Amino acid sequence: MSGLILGTRGSALALAQTHLVQAALAAAHPTVAAGIREFKTTGDKRQDLSLSSAVHGDAGEQIDKGLFTKELEVALLAREIDVAIHSLKDLPTENPPGLVVAAVLPRANPEDVLIFKVAAADYREALPLALGSTVATSSPRRQLQLLHRRPDLRVVDIRGNVGTRLEKLRDRPEWSALVLARAGLERLGFDLSSGFVSIPGAQFGLRSLGADLMLPAVGQGAIALQVRADDTATLAAVAVINHAETFASVTAERELLRRLGGGCQAPVGVTSTWRDGELTLRAVNHRAAGEAPRIGVASGRDPLEVAAAVATQLL
């Protein structure tokens, strides 16, 4: 094998993640060059759509669930690229025929963080927001978990990459906060250790939303390498950089989501932990605002069996 072509979205975060894959491949295979080809997906082009409404057909048109992945998968099947690089949380649970998730990099911290305007903060609250504050997030999972914890909050939809979202928070006086993934911020070079996030013209406070406040999305913090199932050379090449523990964790999480019949916009939060070779999977499913969430937890050594046990509890 003389080289590989890695397919990716063109956003700053997608490229940062692809460069991590490129570096891992270079370390494992010094003689194999890995080039990058950028794509614009439906999710990138249709900034007018609410993600959850588009997936469920509520916006008046049915959009494919692979909002941020389909164009990469088409190119992969057409042999225009050798590996498609995805944020695993964006990837539908069912691969198209002929494609597999062949490897994942070591998972970054999967937690969500609250980015908030300090002037509007109420630090007496676990979520440091004044009564009736407006929080921006495009995720039904985040929206429902926020409202379960703080029914007084108002949640609004937001689209755009990380930089665009931070600028929207800065420029909209009626907004108090937004929710983002810690992994994405750190991969973009933000230093979160100070408890603040700064952009030109604004400095925001930051509060970690651990598992006691908000369970992350399925696959959050993981970078997936999707490959053609019959491409034995590429499968062997990426297997060397696969992180086994992360792969087992996300296998359980994605199997749980598959059993629940949900896609990447399903309001399911999960956390996976390992101890002495045993996986513990905890999940919460908020079906609608105001309803009590369903909670499931199970442990074991087989990721698929653990996922099945949790799905039974949630169903």
C-alpha atoms as a PDB file:
ATOM      1  CA  MET A   1       0.000   0.000   0.000  1.00  0.00           C
ATOM      2  CA  SER A   2       1.528   3.298  -1.124  1.00  0.00           C
ATOM      3  CA  GLY A   3      -1.062   5.694   0.241  1.00  0.00           C
ATOM      4  CA  LEU A   4      -4.549   6.330   1.613  1.00  0.00           C
ATOM      5  CA  ILE A   5      -7.108   9.044   0.941  1.00  0.00           C
ATOM      6  CA  LEU A   6      -8.995  10.182   4.038  1.00  0.00           C
ATOM      7  CA  GLY A   7     -12.402  11.754   3.440  1.00  0.00           C
ATOM      8  CA  THR A   8     -13.695  14.380   5.844  1.00  0.00           C
ATOM      9  CA  ARG A   9     -16.038  17.306   6.235  1.00  0.00           C
ATOM     10  CA  GLY A  10     -14.341  20.662   5.789  1.00  0.00           C
ATOM     11  CA  SER A  11     -15.136  22.226   9.157  1.00  0.00           C
ATOM     12  CA  ALA A  12     -12.289  23.214  11.455  1.00  0.00           C
ATOM     13  CA  LEU A  13     -13.261  20.498  13.943  1.00  0.00           C
ATOM     14  CA  ALA A  14     -13.612  17.772  11.294  1.00  0.00           C
ATOM     15  CA  LEU A  15     -10.193  18.670   9.888  1.00  0.00           C
ATOM     16  CA  ALA A  16      -8.631  18.705  13.362  1.00  0.00           C
ATOM     17  CA  GLN A  17      -9.987  15.209  13.955  1.00  0.00           C
ATOM     18  CA  THR A  18      -8.774  14.014  10.566  1.00  0.00           C
ATOM     19  CA  HIS A  19      -5.298  15.363  11.300  1.00  0.00           C
ATOM     20  CA  LEU A  20      -5.306  13.248  14.490  1.00  0.00           C
ATOM     21  CA  VAL A  21      -6.068  10.181  12.359  1.00  0.00           C
ATOM     22  CA  GLN A  22      -3.416  11.199   9.842  1.00  0.00           C
ATOM     23  CA  ALA A  23      -0.828  11.511  12.614  1.00  0.00           C
ATOM     24  CA  ALA A  24      -1.770   8.147  14.125  1.00  0.00           C
ATOM     25  CA  LEU A  25      -1.468   6.448  10.729  1.00  0.00           C
ATOM     26  CA  ALA A  26       1.892   8.129  10.080  1.00  0.00           C
ATOM     27  CA  ALA A  27       3.224   6.841  13.389  1.00  0.00           C
ATOM     28  CA  ALA A  28       1.976   3.315  12.711  1.00  0.00           C
ATOM     29  CA  HIS A  29       2.878   3.213   9.007  1.00  0.00           C
ATOM     30  CA  PRO A  30       5.754   5.650   8.307  1.00  0.00           C
ATOM     31  CA  THR A  31       5.989   4.636   4.637  1.00  0.00           C
ATOM     32  CA  VAL A  32       2.266   5.082   3.876  1.00  0.00           C
ATOM     33  CA  ALA A  33       1.183   8.613   2.966  1.00  0.00           C
ATOM     34  CA  ALA A  34      -2.342   9.646   3.982  1.00  0.00           C
ATOM     35  CA  GLY A  35      -3.872  12.494   1.989  1.00  0.00           C
ATOM     36  CA  ILE A  36      -7.062  14.381   2.812  1.00  0.00           C
ATOM     37  CA  ARG A  37     -10.096  15.144   0.652  1.00  0.00           C
ATOM     38  CA  GLU A  38     -12.792  17.487   1.945  1.00  0.00           C
ATOM     39  CA  PHE A  39     -16.550  17.168   1.376  1.00  0.00           C
ATOM     40  CA  LYS A  40     -19.575  19.320   2.157  1.00  0.00           C
ATOM     41  CA  THR A  41     -22.456  17.262   3.546  1.00  0.00           C
ATOM     42  CA  THR A  42     -26.190  17.926   3.565  1.00  0.00           C
ATOM     43  CA  GLY A  43     -25.938  19.031   7.189  1.00  0.00           C
ATOM     44  CA  ASP A  44     -23.281  21.576   6.216  1.00  0.00           C
ATOM     45  CA  LYS A  45     -25.304  22.923   3.291  1.00  0.00           C
ATOM     46  CA  ARG A  46     -28.722  23.106   4.986  1.00  0.00           C
ATOM     47  CA  GLN A  47     -28.102  25.551   7.804  1.00  0.00           C
ATOM     48  CA  ASP A  48     -31.782  26.519   7.589  1.00  0.00           C
ATOM     49  CA  LEU A  49     -32.953  23.212   9.031  1.00  0.00           C
ATOM     50  CA  SER A  50     -33.400  22.175  12.637  1.00  0.00           C
ATOM     51  CA  LEU A  51     -31.457  18.917  12.879  1.00  0.00           C
ATOM     52  CA  SER A  52     -34.068  16.971  14.831  1.00  0.00           C
ATOM     53  CA  SER A  53     -36.939  18.312  12.681  1.00  0.00           C
ATOM     54  CA  ALA A  54     -35.098  17.409   9.484  1.00  0.00           C
ATOM     55  CA  VAL A  55     -34.423  13.851  10.607  1.00  0.00           C
ATOM     56  CA  HIS A  56     -37.998  13.259  11.747  1.00  0.00           C
ATOM     57  CA  GLY A  57     -39.663  15.008   8.830  1.00  0.00           C
ATOM     58  CA  ASP A  58     -41.181  17.765  10.978  1.00  0.00           C
ATOM     59  CA  ALA A  59     -39.762  20.486   8.715  1.00  0.00           C
ATOM     60  CA  GLY A  60     -42.002  19.487   5.820  1.00  0.00           C
ATOM     61  CA  GLU A  61     -39.382  17.340   4.105  1.00  0.00           C
ATOM     62  CA  GLN A  62     -37.672  14.080   5.011  1.00  0.00           C
ATOM     63  CA  ILE A  63     -33.890  14.372   5.159  1.00  0.00           C
ATOM     64  CA  ASP A  64     -31.630  11.311   5.299  1.00  0.00           C
ATOM     65  CA  LYS A  65     -30.460  10.486   8.829  1.00  0.00           C
ATOM     66  CA  GLY A  66     -26.851  10.678   7.680  1.00  0.00           C
ATOM     67  CA  LEU A  67     -26.933  14.470   7.587  1.00  0.00           C
ATOM     68  CA  PHE A  68     -23.193  14.763   8.198  1.00  0.00           C
ATOM     69  CA  THR A  69     -22.056  11.414   6.799  1.00  0.00           C
ATOM     70  CA  LYS A  70     -23.887  10.375   3.609  1.00  0.00           C
ATOM     71  CA  GLU A  71     -21.678  12.213   1.102  1.00  0.00           C
ATOM     72  CA  LEU A  72     -18.579  10.652   2.654  1.00  0.00           C
ATOM     73  CA  GLU A  73     -20.137   7.194   2.507  1.00  0.00           C
ATOM     74  CA  VAL A  74     -21.101   7.638  -1.153  1.00  0.00           C
ATOM     75  CA  ALA A  75     -17.519   8.623  -1.973  1.00  0.00           C
ATOM     76  CA  LEU A  76     -16.208   5.664  -0.004  1.00  0.00           C
ATOM     77  CA  LEU A  77     -18.414   3.192  -1.856  1.00  0.00           C
ATOM     78  CA  ALA A  78     -17.389   4.822  -5.159  1.00  0.00           C
ATOM     79  CA  ARG A  79     -13.719   4.254  -4.189  1.00  0.00           C
ATOM     80  CA  GLU A  80     -12.984   7.966  -4.358  1.00  0.00           C
ATOM     81  CA  ILE A  81     -11.573   7.750  -0.826  1.00  0.00           C
ATOM     82  CA  ASP A  82     -10.228   4.883   1.273  1.00  0.00           C
ATOM     83  CA  VAL A  83     -11.342   5.936   4.762  1.00  0.00           C
ATOM     84  CA  ALA A  84     -14.192   8.198   5.878  1.00  0.00           C
ATOM     85  CA  ILE A  85     -13.463  10.077   9.099  1.00  0.00           C
ATOM     86  CA  HIS A  86     -16.506  10.829  11.275  1.00  0.00           C
ATOM     87  CA  SER A  87     -17.430  12.176  14.654  1.00  0.00           C
ATOM     88  CA  LEU A  88     -18.928   8.906  15.828  1.00  0.00           C
ATOM     89  CA  LYS A  89     -21.929  10.616  17.413  1.00  0.00           C
ATOM     90  CA  ASP A  90     -22.974  11.807  13.910  1.00  0.00           C
ATOM     91  CA  LEU A  91     -22.855   8.325  12.387  1.00  0.00           C
ATOM     92  CA  PRO A  92     -26.151   6.383  12.031  1.00  0.00           C
ATOM     93  CA  THR A  93     -26.176   3.071  13.889  1.00  0.00           C
ATOM     94  CA  GLU A  94     -26.614   1.078  10.679  1.00  0.00           C
ATOM     95  CA  ASN A  95     -23.744   1.181   8.178  1.00  0.00           C
ATOM     96  CA  PRO A  96     -24.666   1.141   4.482  1.00  0.00           C
ATOM     97  CA  PRO A  97     -24.132  -2.297   2.915  1.00  0.00           C
ATOM     98  CA  GLY A  98     -20.445  -2.791   2.208  1.00  0.00           C
ATOM     99  CA  LEU A  99     -19.153  -0.384   4.858  1.00  0.00           C
ATOM    100  CA  VAL A 100     -17.934  -0.971   8.426  1.00  0.00           C
ATOM    101  CA  VAL A 101     -16.596   1.096  11.291  1.00  0.00           C
ATOM    102  CA  ALA A 102     -13.156  -0.472  11.309  1.00  0.00           C
ATOM    103  CA  ALA A 103     -11.401   1.528  14.023  1.00  0.00           C
ATOM    104  CA  VAL A 104     -11.723   4.361  16.523  1.00  0.00           C
ATOM    105  CA  LEU A 105      -9.093   6.541  18.134  1.00  0.00           C
ATOM    106  CA  PRO A 106      -8.801   6.749  21.944  1.00  0.00           C
ATOM    107  CA  ARG A 107     -11.844   8.564  23.209  1.00  0.00           C
ATOM    108  CA  ALA A 108     -11.563  12.113  24.499  1.00  0.00           C
ATOM    109  CA  ASN A 109     -13.534  13.246  27.535  1.00  0.00           C
ATOM    110  CA  PRO A 110     -17.139  12.802  26.326  1.00  0.00           C
ATOM    111  CA  GLU A 111     -18.826  15.241  28.705  1.00  0.00           C
ATOM    112  CA  ASP A 112     -20.827  18.294  27.698  1.00  0.00           C
ATOM    113  CA  VAL A 113     -20.008  21.777  28.978  1.00  0.00           C
ATOM    114  CA  LEU A 114     -22.184  24.812  29.594  1.00  0.00           C
ATOM    115  CA  ILE A 115     -20.795  28.018  28.055  1.00  0.00           C
ATOM    116  CA  PHE A 116     -22.502  30.992  29.701  1.00  0.00           C
ATOM    117  CA  LYS A 117     -22.453  34.769  29.970  1.00  0.00           C
ATOM    118  CA  VAL A 118     -20.929  35.598  33.326  1.00  0.00           C
ATOM    119  CA  ALA A 119     -23.112  38.697  33.756  1.00  0.00           C
ATOM    120  CA  ALA A 120     -26.245  36.512  33.583  1.00  0.00           C
ATOM    121  CA  ALA A 121     -24.935  33.781  35.898  1.00  0.00           C
ATOM    122  CA  ASP A 122     -26.416  32.613  39.177  1.00  0.00           C
ATOM    123  CA  TYR A 123     -23.650  30.638  40.867  1.00  0.00           C
ATOM    124  CA  ARG A 124     -25.994  29.306  43.550  1.00  0.00           C
ATOM    125  CA  GLU A 125     -27.363  26.892  40.938  1.00  0.00           C
ATOM    126  CA  ALA A 126     -25.693  23.677  39.721  1.00  0.00           C
ATOM    127  CA  LEU A 127     -26.468  25.070  36.285  1.00  0.00           C
ATOM    128  CA  PRO A 128     -25.289  28.648  36.941  1.00  0.00           C
ATOM    129  CA  LEU A 129     -28.165  30.338  35.123  1.00  0.00           C
ATOM    130  CA  ALA A 130     -30.686  32.875  36.343  1.00  0.00           C
ATOM    131  CA  LEU A 131     -34.372  31.954  36.410  1.00  0.00           C
ATOM    132  CA  GLY A 132     -35.870  31.809  32.917  1.00  0.00           C
ATOM    133  CA  SER A 133     -32.550  31.980  31.069  1.00  0.00           C
ATOM    134  CA  THR A 134     -32.374  31.044  27.386  1.00  0.00           C
ATOM    135  CA  VAL A 135     -29.999  28.229  26.415  1.00  0.00           C
ATOM    136  CA  ALA A 136     -29.130  27.403  22.808  1.00  0.00           C
ATOM    137  CA  THR A 137     -28.622  23.812  21.665  1.00  0.00           C
ATOM    138  CA  SER A 138     -29.666  21.833  18.589  1.00  0.00           C
ATOM    139  CA  SER A 139     -29.739  18.517  20.466  1.00  0.00           C
ATOM    140  CA  PRO A 140     -33.050  17.097  21.757  1.00  0.00           C
ATOM    141  CA  ARG A 141     -30.995  15.023  24.230  1.00  0.00           C
ATOM    142  CA  ARG A 142     -29.443  18.153  25.713  1.00  0.00           C
ATOM    143  CA  GLN A 143     -32.700  20.109  25.601  1.00  0.00           C
ATOM    144  CA  LEU A 144     -34.687  17.473  27.482  1.00  0.00           C
ATOM    145  CA  GLN A 145     -32.002  16.867  30.101  1.00  0.00           C
ATOM    146  CA  LEU A 146     -31.710  20.619  30.708  1.00  0.00           C
ATOM    147  CA  LEU A 147     -35.478  21.028  31.077  1.00  0.00           C
ATOM    148  CA  HIS A 148     -35.694  18.019  33.394  1.00  0.00           C
ATOM    149  CA  ARG A 149     -33.121  19.632  35.660  1.00  0.00           C
ATOM    150  CA  ARG A 150     -34.377  23.205  35.220  1.00  0.00           C
ATOM    151  CA  PRO A 151     -37.971  23.434  33.925  1.00  0.00           C
ATOM    152  CA  ASP A 152     -37.762  27.238  34.100  1.00  0.00           C
ATOM    153  CA  LEU A 153     -35.213  27.428  31.290  1.00  0.00           C
ATOM    154  CA  ARG A 154     -36.061  28.293  27.692  1.00  0.00           C
ATOM    155  CA  VAL A 155     -34.223  26.297  25.032  1.00  0.00           C
ATOM    156  CA  VAL A 156     -33.745  27.433  21.431  1.00  0.00           C
ATOM    157  CA  ASP A 157     -32.249  25.766  18.388  1.00  0.00           C
ATOM    158  CA  ILE A 158     -28.803  26.721  17.079  1.00  0.00           C
ATOM    159  CA  ARG A 159     -26.839  25.665  14.002  1.00  0.00           C
ATOM    160  CA  GLY A 160     -23.288  26.228  12.810  1.00  0.00           C
ATOM    161  CA  ASN A 161     -19.776  25.150  13.709  1.00  0.00           C
ATOM    162  CA  VAL A 162     -18.260  25.775  17.139  1.00  0.00           C
ATOM    163  CA  GLY A 163     -16.908  29.218  16.279  1.00  0.00           C
ATOM    164  CA  THR A 164     -20.202  30.324  14.757  1.00  0.00           C
ATOM    165  CA  ARG A 165     -22.148  29.175  17.812  1.00  0.00           C
ATOM    166  CA  LEU A 166     -19.883  31.073  20.181  1.00  0.00           C
ATOM    167  CA  GLU A 167     -20.271  34.203  18.043  1.00  0.00           C
ATOM    168  CA  LYS A 168     -24.065  33.813  18.086  1.00  0.00           C
ATOM    169  CA  LEU A 169     -23.994  33.621  21.883  1.00  0.00           C
ATOM    170  CA  ARG A 170     -21.881  36.794  21.974  1.00  0.00           C
ATOM    171  CA  ASP A 171     -24.124  38.692  19.567  1.00  0.00           C
ATOM    172  CA  ARG A 172     -27.583  37.736  20.870  1.00  0.00           C
ATOM    173  CA  PRO A 173     -28.348  39.576  24.099  1.00  0.00           C
ATOM    174  CA  GLU A 174     -31.399  37.427  24.807  1.00  0.00           C
ATOM    175  CA  TRP A 175     -29.290  34.261  24.990  1.00  0.00           C
ATOM    176  CA  SER A 176     -27.577  33.361  28.260  1.00  0.00           C
ATOM    177  CA  ALA A 177     -25.739  30.137  27.395  1.00  0.00           C
ATOM    178  CA  LEU A 178     -25.164  27.239  25.037  1.00  0.00           C
ATOM    179  CA  VAL A 179     -24.070  23.626  25.426  1.00  0.00           C
ATOM    180  CA  LEU A 180     -21.092  22.137  23.567  1.00  0.00           C
ATOM    181  CA  ALA A 181     -18.983  18.988  23.749  1.00  0.00           C
ATOM    182  CA  ARG A 182     -15.731  19.372  25.692  1.00  0.00           C
ATOM    183  CA  ALA A 183     -13.884  17.177  23.185  1.00  0.00           C
ATOM    184  CA  GLY A 184     -14.674  19.468  20.268  1.00  0.00           C
ATOM    185  CA  LEU A 185     -13.530  22.586  22.095  1.00  0.00           C
ATOM    186  CA  GLU A 186     -10.278  20.972  23.180  1.00  0.00           C
ATOM    187  CA  ARG A 187      -9.555  19.590  19.718  1.00  0.00           C
ATOM    188  CA  LEU A 188      -9.952  23.115  18.369  1.00  0.00           C
ATOM    189  CA  GLY A 189      -7.296  24.334  20.776  1.00  0.00           C
ATOM    190  CA  PHE A 190      -9.400  25.988  23.476  1.00  0.00           C
ATOM    191  CA  ASP A 191      -7.764  25.862  26.911  1.00  0.00           C
ATOM    192  CA  LEU A 192     -10.615  25.062  29.293  1.00  0.00           C
ATOM    193  CA  SER A 193      -8.505  24.778  32.454  1.00  0.00           C
ATOM    194  CA  SER A 194      -9.196  28.388  33.507  1.00  0.00           C
ATOM    195  CA  GLY A 195     -12.961  27.913  33.615  1.00  0.00           C
ATOM    196  CA  PHE A 196     -13.428  30.475  30.833  1.00  0.00           C
ATOM    197  CA  VAL A 197     -13.772  30.434  27.041  1.00  0.00           C
ATOM    198  CA  SER A 198     -12.630  33.512  25.135  1.00  0.00           C
ATOM    199  CA  ILE A 199     -13.344  34.679  21.583  1.00  0.00           C
ATOM    200  CA  PRO A 200     -12.836  38.153  20.076  1.00  0.00           C
ATOM    201  CA  GLY A 201     -15.202  40.493  21.877  1.00  0.00           C
ATOM    202  CA  ALA A 202     -16.338  38.134  24.618  1.00  0.00           C
ATOM    203  CA  GLN A 203     -15.275  35.951  27.516  1.00  0.00           C
ATOM    204  CA  PHE A 204     -17.694  33.280  28.729  1.00  0.00           C
ATOM    205  CA  GLY A 205     -17.835  31.163  31.842  1.00  0.00           C
ATOM    206  CA  LEU A 206     -17.567  27.389  31.570  1.00  0.00           C
ATOM    207  CA  ARG A 207     -19.176  24.706  33.731  1.00  0.00           C
ATOM    208  CA  SER A 208     -18.571  21.001  33.205  1.00  0.00           C
ATOM    209  CA  LEU A 209     -21.756  18.992  32.902  1.00  0.00           C
ATOM    210  CA  GLY A 210     -20.714  15.668  34.376  1.00  0.00           C
ATOM    211  CA  ALA A 211     -22.863  12.553  34.439  1.00  0.00           C
ATOM    212  CA  ASP A 212     -24.790  13.891  37.434  1.00  0.00           C
ATOM    213  CA  LEU A 213     -26.055  16.798  35.310  1.00  0.00           C
ATOM    214  CA  MET A 214     -26.101  15.517  31.710  1.00  0.00           C
ATOM    215  CA  LEU A 215     -25.276  12.186  30.087  1.00  0.00           C
ATOM    216  CA  PRO A 216     -23.388  12.517  26.769  1.00  0.00           C
ATOM    217  CA  ALA A 217     -24.526  11.384  23.337  1.00  0.00           C
ATOM    218  CA  VAL A 218     -23.826   7.898  22.032  1.00  0.00           C
ATOM    219  CA  GLY A 219     -20.262   7.898  20.687  1.00  0.00           C
ATOM    220  CA  GLN A 220     -19.480  11.422  21.897  1.00  0.00           C
ATOM    221  CA  GLY A 221     -15.740  12.135  22.035  1.00  0.00           C
ATOM    222  CA  ALA A 222     -14.865   9.266  19.670  1.00  0.00           C
ATOM    223  CA  ILE A 223     -13.477   9.555  16.138  1.00  0.00           C
ATOM    224  CA  ALA A 224     -14.552   6.769  13.769  1.00  0.00           C
ATOM    225  CA  LEU A 225     -12.759   5.371  10.717  1.00  0.00           C
ATOM    226  CA  GLN A 226     -15.237   3.893   8.225  1.00  0.00           C
ATOM    227  CA  VAL A 227     -13.852   1.561   5.548  1.00  0.00           C
ATOM    228  CA  ARG A 228     -15.154  -0.686   2.757  1.00  0.00           C
ATOM    229  CA  ALA A 229     -15.732  -4.171   4.142  1.00  0.00           C
ATOM    230  CA  ASP A 230     -13.860  -5.791   1.240  1.00  0.00           C
ATOM    231  CA  ASP A 231     -10.805  -3.495   1.424  1.00  0.00           C
ATOM    232  CA  THR A 232      -8.541  -5.882   3.305  1.00  0.00           C
ATOM    233  CA  ALA A 233      -5.419  -3.751   2.970  1.00  0.00           C
ATOM    234  CA  THR A 234      -7.039  -0.660   4.463  1.00  0.00           C
ATOM    235  CA  LEU A 235      -8.785  -2.694   7.156  1.00  0.00           C
ATOM    236  CA  ALA A 236      -5.406  -4.071   8.211  1.00  0.00           C
ATOM    237  CA  ALA A 237      -3.801  -0.631   8.127  1.00  0.00           C
ATOM    238  CA  VAL A 238      -6.372   1.047  10.390  1.00  0.00           C
ATOM    239  CA  ALA A 239      -6.626  -1.929  12.759  1.00  0.00           C
ATOM    240  CA  VAL A 240      -3.182  -1.016  14.077  1.00  0.00           C
ATOM    241  CA  ILE A 241      -4.441   2.330  15.421  1.00  0.00           C
ATOM    242  CA  ASN A 242      -7.756   1.034  16.791  1.00  0.00           C
ATOM    243  CA  HIS A 243      -8.274   1.645  20.514  1.00  0.00           C
ATOM    244  CA  ALA A 244      -9.872  -1.551  21.789  1.00  0.00           C
ATOM    245  CA  GLU A 245     -11.509  -0.190  24.948  1.00  0.00           C
ATOM    246  CA  THR A 246     -13.078   2.760  23.126  1.00  0.00           C
ATOM    247  CA  PHE A 247     -14.226   0.438  20.333  1.00  0.00           C
ATOM    248  CA  ALA A 248     -15.953  -1.869  22.838  1.00  0.00           C
ATOM    249  CA  SER A 249     -17.590   1.094  24.626  1.00  0.00           C
ATOM    250  CA  VAL A 250     -19.012   2.646  21.485  1.00  0.00           C
ATOM    251  CA  THR A 251     -20.083  -0.772  20.200  1.00  0.00           C
ATOM    252  CA  ALA A 252     -22.253  -1.126  23.308  1.00  0.00           C
ATOM    253  CA  GLU A 253     -23.606   2.417  23.029  1.00  0.00           C
ATOM    254  CA  ARG A 254     -24.471   2.102  19.348  1.00  0.00           C
ATOM    255  CA  GLU A 255     -26.092  -1.296  19.884  1.00  0.00           C
ATOM    256  CA  LEU A 256     -28.222   0.242  22.626  1.00  0.00           C
ATOM    257  CA  LEU A 257     -29.324   3.034  20.297  1.00  0.00           C
ATOM    258  CA  ARG A 258     -30.038   0.540  17.519  1.00  0.00           C
ATOM    259  CA  ARG A 259     -32.242  -1.522  19.843  1.00  0.00           C
ATOM    260  CA  LEU A 260     -34.122   1.608  20.869  1.00  0.00           C
ATOM    261  CA  GLY A 261     -34.704   2.444  17.203  1.00  0.00           C
ATOM    262  CA  GLY A 262     -33.077   5.851  17.525  1.00  0.00           C
ATOM    263  CA  GLY A 263     -30.712   7.869  15.360  1.00  0.00           C
ATOM    264  CA  CYS A 264     -28.051  10.394  16.254  1.00  0.00           C
ATOM    265  CA  GLN A 265     -30.750  12.938  17.209  1.00  0.00           C
ATOM    266  CA  ALA A 266     -32.515  10.536  19.617  1.00  0.00           C
ATOM    267  CA  PRO A 267     -32.786  11.961  23.168  1.00  0.00           C
ATOM    268  CA  VAL A 268     -30.651   9.176  24.670  1.00  0.00           C
ATOM    269  CA  GLY A 269     -27.731   9.947  26.976  1.00  0.00           C
ATOM    270  CA  VAL A 270     -25.116   7.349  27.898  1.00  0.00           C
ATOM    271  CA  THR A 271     -21.925   6.856  29.831  1.00  0.00           C
ATOM    272  CA  SER A 272     -19.532   3.888  29.613  1.00  0.00           C
ATOM    273  CA  THR A 273     -16.941   2.990  32.229  1.00  0.00           C
ATOM    274  CA  TRP A 274     -14.501   0.107  32.561  1.00  0.00           C
ATOM    275  CA  ARG A 275     -13.241  -1.589  35.711  1.00  0.00           C
ATOM    276  CA  ASP A 276     -11.279  -4.847  35.895  1.00  0.00           C
ATOM    277  CA  GLY A 277     -12.243  -5.748  32.344  1.00  0.00           C
ATOM    278  CA  GLU A 278     -15.949  -5.186  32.929  1.00  0.00           C
ATOM    279  CA  LEU A 279     -18.043  -2.580  31.133  1.00  0.00           C
ATOM    280  CA  THR A 280     -20.763  -0.614  32.920  1.00  0.00           C
ATOM    281  CA  LEU A 281     -23.244   1.135  30.648  1.00  0.00           C
ATOM    282  CA  ARG A 282     -25.648   3.680  32.089  1.00  0.00           C
ATOM    283  CA  ALA A 283     -28.294   5.353  29.947  1.00  0.00           C
ATOM    284  CA  VAL A 284     -31.206   7.750  30.215  1.00  0.00           C
ATOM    285  CA  ASN A 285     -34.011   8.284  27.707  1.00  0.00           C
ATOM    286  CA  HIS A 286     -36.087  11.472  27.949  1.00  0.00           C
ATOM    287  CA  ARG A 287     -39.027  10.935  25.625  1.00  0.00           C
ATOM    288  CA  ALA A 288     -40.695  14.333  26.168  1.00  0.00           C
ATOM    289  CA  ALA A 289     -40.378  17.417  28.341  1.00  0.00           C
ATOM    290  CA  GLY A 290     -42.209  16.985  31.635  1.00  0.00           C
ATOM    291  CA  GLU A 291     -42.162  13.185  31.520  1.00  0.00           C
ATOM    292  CA  ALA A 292     -40.066  11.168  33.935  1.00  0.00           C
ATOM    293  CA  PRO A 293     -36.988   9.791  32.152  1.00  0.00           C
ATOM    294  CA  ARG A 294     -36.334   6.099  31.808  1.00  0.00           C
ATOM    295  CA  ILE A 295     -33.011   4.984  33.268  1.00  0.00           C
ATOM    296  CA  GLY A 296     -31.063   1.789  32.660  1.00  0.00           C
ATOM    297  CA  VAL A 297     -27.741   0.408  33.877  1.00  0.00           C
ATOM    298  CA  ALA A 298     -25.964  -2.919  33.393  1.00  0.00           C
ATOM    299  CA  SER A 299     -22.467  -4.373  33.622  1.00  0.00           C
ATOM    300  CA  GLY A 300     -20.651  -7.227  31.941  1.00  0.00           C
ATOM    301  CA  ARG A 301     -17.778  -8.281  29.711  1.00  0.00           C
ATOM    302  CA  ASP A 302     -19.719  -8.578  26.445  1.00  0.00           C
ATOM    303  CA  PRO A 303     -20.654  -5.128  25.044  1.00  0.00           C
ATOM    304  CA  LEU A 304     -23.612  -6.464  23.057  1.00  0.00           C
ATOM    305  CA  GLU A 305     -25.070  -8.288  26.080  1.00  0.00           C
ATOM    306  CA  VAL A 306     -24.670  -5.208  28.252  1.00  0.00           C
ATOM    307  CA  ALA A 307     -26.414  -3.078  25.622  1.00  0.00           C
ATOM    308  CA  ALA A 308     -29.281  -5.565  25.375  1.00  0.00           C
ATOM    309  CA  ALA A 309     -29.774  -5.515  29.152  1.00  0.00           C
ATOM    310  CA  VAL A 310     -29.917  -1.712  29.276  1.00  0.00           C
ATOM    311  CA  ALA A 311     -32.261  -1.563  26.262  1.00  0.00           C
ATOM    312  CA  THR A 312     -34.667  -3.942  28.017  1.00  0.00           C
ATOM    313  CA  GLN A 313     -34.815  -1.580  30.991  1.00  0.00           C
ATOM    314  CA  LEU A 314     -35.365   1.510  28.812  1.00  0.00           C
ATOM    315  CA  LEU A 315     -38.059  -0.181  26.724  1.00  0.00           C
END
